[in-house]
Amino acid sequence: MEQTTTYRKIIHIDMDAFYASVEQLDNPELKGKPIAVGGGGERGVVSAASYEARKFGVRSSMSGILAKKKCPHLIFVKPRFDRYKEISKKISAIFHEYTDLVEPLSLDEAYLDVTENKKGNPSASLIAKEIRKRIFDELGLNASAGISSSKFVAKIASDINKPNGQKTIPPEEIIVFLEELPIEKFYGIGKVTTAKMYNLGIFKGIDLKSKSEEFLIEHFKNSGSHYYQLVRGHYQSEVKPNKKRKSVAAEHTFLKNLTSEVYMLEKLVRISEELEQRLIRSKVSGKTITLKIKYSDFTTQTRSKTLPYFIKDKNILLDTVKELLYQDKVLNSVRLLGISVTNLNIHSKESPEKPINVQLKFEF
């Protein structure tokens, strides 16, 4: 008897220029104009750019000054995350009318497994088209979609016909698709790895496929085995609707660079307070505290410490971060400080947070 392989039907939905599109939706005067969500001042950074701005080379994470040079008539708009979250919840509600297997990646993108869906529709491509139409009809926003049998390929496919389009890669076409794909288009392969692969003569998926697993491990260490499997279409992770949160963080970029640890500690007090509130809202605590320091030359340094107990109290956070700050000399003037908590413990009614007895230190 012949065996029939059953493939998953996975959709990756990605909203088009989400933050910028929301601003244009709420303020019709901004429609059709190049806008950037973020700061345009000396220390400002672009969080998102409209497609009109992208035509001039404006991109997210770009400094506001550079963005303005590329597009002199660029309009900067302050971000409104509460509004973005509000709309994101409405988009998520639409997703859940089709399937409960929804894995959000951020406010503006998610994976949906529609192999068995609530509409009884056997076509993932038609479901994606219907979802995109509903998002536009009900919320006035455009979305793009990628459809395939794996999350990895679906995510790549969603970028092919952007904006306001979709692309389906059937299971029988995946291998050829990956072989012809430029290496920089592979999700998870960044600029540094791309440059390294170019130097090794790897420009497309087929070049990557020609390399042995041993060769890739030699040049890319643990990632080598991952790349070896990836280009052969073996990346088949499931859509995980209840994805556990791995970290909670807070960070601040300063208008002026900090050169004194005294000023840094003042800022870390506020960041600790903000992080405590985020931990409380997220109903988590953690053991590992990391101090992030970004210098004026944009190099980043991290220092971490793991405690023997779970914490979320701002005073303990600050004591730990203070110790990390003085652990080593600050190398340069500082433009950003951040604190993150990992190694998390999620609190619930079934597993409530256990009380922690911490001896307080008093200075005499």
Foldseek 3Di string as FASTA:
>chain_A
DDDDDDFWKKKKKFFAQQQLVVVCVVPVVCPPHWEFAWDLDPAIFGQTIHVNLVVLVDGGRHHNPVSCVSPVPYHYDYTDVVVLQVLLVVLVVLLVQWPLLWADPDSGIIMHTNCPTPVRDNDSVVVVVVSQVCCCVPPVTGMFMAIERAPQRGVLQRPPDPDRYGYYQYPVRLLVVQQAAFPCSRPPQHDVNSVVCVVVVRGGLVSLQVDDLVVQCVSPNPCSVVSNCVSVPNRHDGRDSCDDDFKQKFKDFDPDWADDVVVVLVVLLVRLVVQLVVCVVQQKWAFKKKKWWQAPVRDIDIDMDGHPFTDSDSVVNSVVVNCRCPVDDDDHTTRMIMMMGGRMDHADPVRHGDDDDDDDDDDD
